[in-house]
Amino acid sequence: GKLWFPDGNIILACGNTGFRVHAGVLSLNCQVFRDMLESGTPSAGEVYEGADVIRLSDNPDDMRLLVTPMYSRRCAL
């Protein structure tokens, strides 16, 4: 899907929906993710295709609404 990047290094798993994104992007845009990622690996050792999996109790639609704007910026170079 739109929020599944082959080079992503972290997967946010909400129910049966996964978002393969970038820890740096999450940390840059959200203090909660920054704190979570700085405290160590919150994945409890779960890995999928080389990316840490973080299981969250959030609704997938809510997570999509949170993460989508982080990737919607356009560079005007």
C-alpha atoms as a PDB file:
ATOM      1  CA  GLY A   1       0.000   0.000   0.000  1.00  0.00           C
ATOM      2  CA  LYS A   2       0.860   3.640   0.089  1.00  0.00           C
ATOM      3  CA  LEU A   3       2.587   3.436   3.482  1.00  0.00           C
ATOM      4  CA  TRP A   4       4.704   0.351   2.772  1.00  0.00           C
ATOM      5  CA  PHE A   5       8.170   1.434   1.693  1.00  0.00           C
ATOM      6  CA  PRO A   6      10.606  -1.314   0.643  1.00  0.00           C
ATOM      7  CA  ASP A   7      13.456   0.594   2.304  1.00  0.00           C
ATOM      8  CA  GLY A   8      11.483   1.239   5.498  1.00  0.00           C
ATOM      9  CA  ASN A   9      13.240   0.042   8.644  1.00  0.00           C
ATOM     10  CA  ILE A  10      10.277  -0.213  10.986  1.00  0.00           C
ATOM     11  CA  ILE A  11       6.808  -1.736  10.714  1.00  0.00           C
ATOM     12  CA  LEU A  12       3.937  -0.338  12.728  1.00  0.00           C
ATOM     13  CA  ALA A  13       1.466  -3.198  13.111  1.00  0.00           C
ATOM     14  CA  CYS A  14      -2.093  -2.211  13.980  1.00  0.00           C
ATOM     15  CA  GLY A  15      -4.289  -5.286  14.049  1.00  0.00           C
ATOM     16  CA  ASN A  16      -3.848  -6.985  10.672  1.00  0.00           C
ATOM     17  CA  THR A  17      -2.502  -3.844   8.984  1.00  0.00           C
ATOM     18  CA  GLY A  18       1.170  -2.988   8.736  1.00  0.00           C
ATOM     19  CA  PHE A  19       2.892   0.257   7.812  1.00  0.00           C
ATOM     20  CA  ARG A  20       6.532  -0.150   6.750  1.00  0.00           C
ATOM     21  CA  VAL A  21       7.971   3.280   7.316  1.00  0.00           C
ATOM     22  CA  HIS A  22      11.183   4.963   8.431  1.00  0.00           C
ATOM     23  CA  ALA A  23      12.148   5.432  12.080  1.00  0.00           C
ATOM     24  CA  GLY A  24      13.849   8.733  11.207  1.00  0.00           C
ATOM     25  CA  VAL A  25      10.687  10.151   9.659  1.00  0.00           C
ATOM     26  CA  LEU A  26       8.612   9.082  12.669  1.00  0.00           C
ATOM     27  CA  SER A  27      11.142  10.582  15.085  1.00  0.00           C
ATOM     28  CA  LEU A  28      11.382  13.834  13.139  1.00  0.00           C
ATOM     29  CA  ASN A  29       7.621  14.345  13.107  1.00  0.00           C
ATOM     30  CA  CYS A  30       6.307  12.919  16.381  1.00  0.00           C
ATOM     31  CA  GLN A  31       7.657  13.287  19.915  1.00  0.00           C
ATOM     32  CA  VAL A  32       5.885  10.087  21.052  1.00  0.00           C
ATOM     33  CA  PHE A  33       7.666   8.022  18.398  1.00  0.00           C
ATOM     34  CA  ARG A  34      10.949   9.851  19.077  1.00  0.00           C
ATOM     35  CA  ASP A  35      10.773   8.960  22.773  1.00  0.00           C
ATOM     36  CA  MET A  36       9.748   5.366  22.022  1.00  0.00           C
ATOM     37  CA  LEU A  37      12.553   4.825  19.521  1.00  0.00           C
ATOM     38  CA  GLU A  38      15.225   6.530  21.655  1.00  0.00           C
ATOM     39  CA  SER A  39      14.406   4.285  24.617  1.00  0.00           C
ATOM     40  CA  GLY A  40      15.590   1.206  22.725  1.00  0.00           C
ATOM     41  CA  THR A  41      14.032  -1.309  20.376  1.00  0.00           C
ATOM     42  CA  PRO A  42      10.309  -1.389  21.192  1.00  0.00           C
ATOM     43  CA  SER A  43       9.703  -4.384  18.908  1.00  0.00           C
ATOM     44  CA  ALA A  44      10.358  -7.027  21.564  1.00  0.00           C
ATOM     45  CA  GLY A  45      12.627  -8.714  19.016  1.00  0.00           C
ATOM     46  CA  GLU A  46       9.969  -9.263  16.354  1.00  0.00           C
ATOM     47  CA  VAL A  47      11.350  -8.723  12.846  1.00  0.00           C
ATOM     48  CA  TYR A  48       9.724  -9.064   9.416  1.00  0.00           C
ATOM     49  CA  GLU A  49      11.828  -8.929   6.239  1.00  0.00           C
ATOM     50  CA  GLY A  50      14.630  -7.231   8.174  1.00  0.00           C
ATOM     51  CA  ALA A  51      12.449  -4.512   9.747  1.00  0.00           C
ATOM     52  CA  ASP A  52      11.576  -4.277  13.433  1.00  0.00           C
ATOM     53  CA  VAL A  53       7.850  -4.786  14.068  1.00  0.00           C
ATOM     54  CA  ILE A  54       6.155  -2.607  16.657  1.00  0.00           C
ATOM     55  CA  ARG A  55       2.705  -3.844  17.618  1.00  0.00           C
ATOM     56  CA  LEU A  56       0.290  -1.042  18.489  1.00  0.00           C
ATOM     57  CA  SER A  57      -3.281  -1.155  19.730  1.00  0.00           C
ATOM     58  CA  ASP A  58      -4.238   1.800  17.527  1.00  0.00           C
ATOM     59  CA  ASN A  59      -6.914   1.558  14.867  1.00  0.00           C
ATOM     60  CA  PRO A  60      -5.250   1.194  11.418  1.00  0.00           C
ATOM     61  CA  ASP A  61      -7.318   4.071   9.998  1.00  0.00           C
ATOM     62  CA  ASP A  62      -6.193   6.348  12.826  1.00  0.00           C
ATOM     63  CA  MET A  63      -2.548   5.372  12.289  1.00  0.00           C
ATOM     64  CA  ARG A  64      -2.904   6.028   8.555  1.00  0.00           C
ATOM     65  CA  LEU A  65      -4.247   9.516   9.354  1.00  0.00           C
ATOM     66  CA  LEU A  66      -1.293  10.162  11.671  1.00  0.00           C
ATOM     67  CA  VAL A  67       1.481   8.878   9.396  1.00  0.00           C
ATOM     68  CA  THR A  68       0.266   9.985   5.936  1.00  0.00           C
ATOM     69  CA  PRO A  69       1.048  13.696   6.437  1.00  0.00           C
ATOM     70  CA  MET A  70       4.606  12.770   7.430  1.00  0.00           C
ATOM     71  CA  TYR A  71       5.115  11.553   3.846  1.00  0.00           C
ATOM     72  CA  SER A  72       2.998  14.139   2.022  1.00  0.00           C
ATOM     73  CA  ARG A  73       5.503  16.970   1.886  1.00  0.00           C
ATOM     74  CA  ARG A  74       6.803  18.017  -1.491  1.00  0.00           C
ATOM     75  CA  CYS A  75      10.311  19.289  -2.052  1.00  0.00           C
ATOM     76  CA  ALA A  76      10.446  22.504  -4.076  1.00  0.00           C
ATOM     77  CA  LEU A  77      14.108  22.436  -5.141  1.00  0.00           C
END
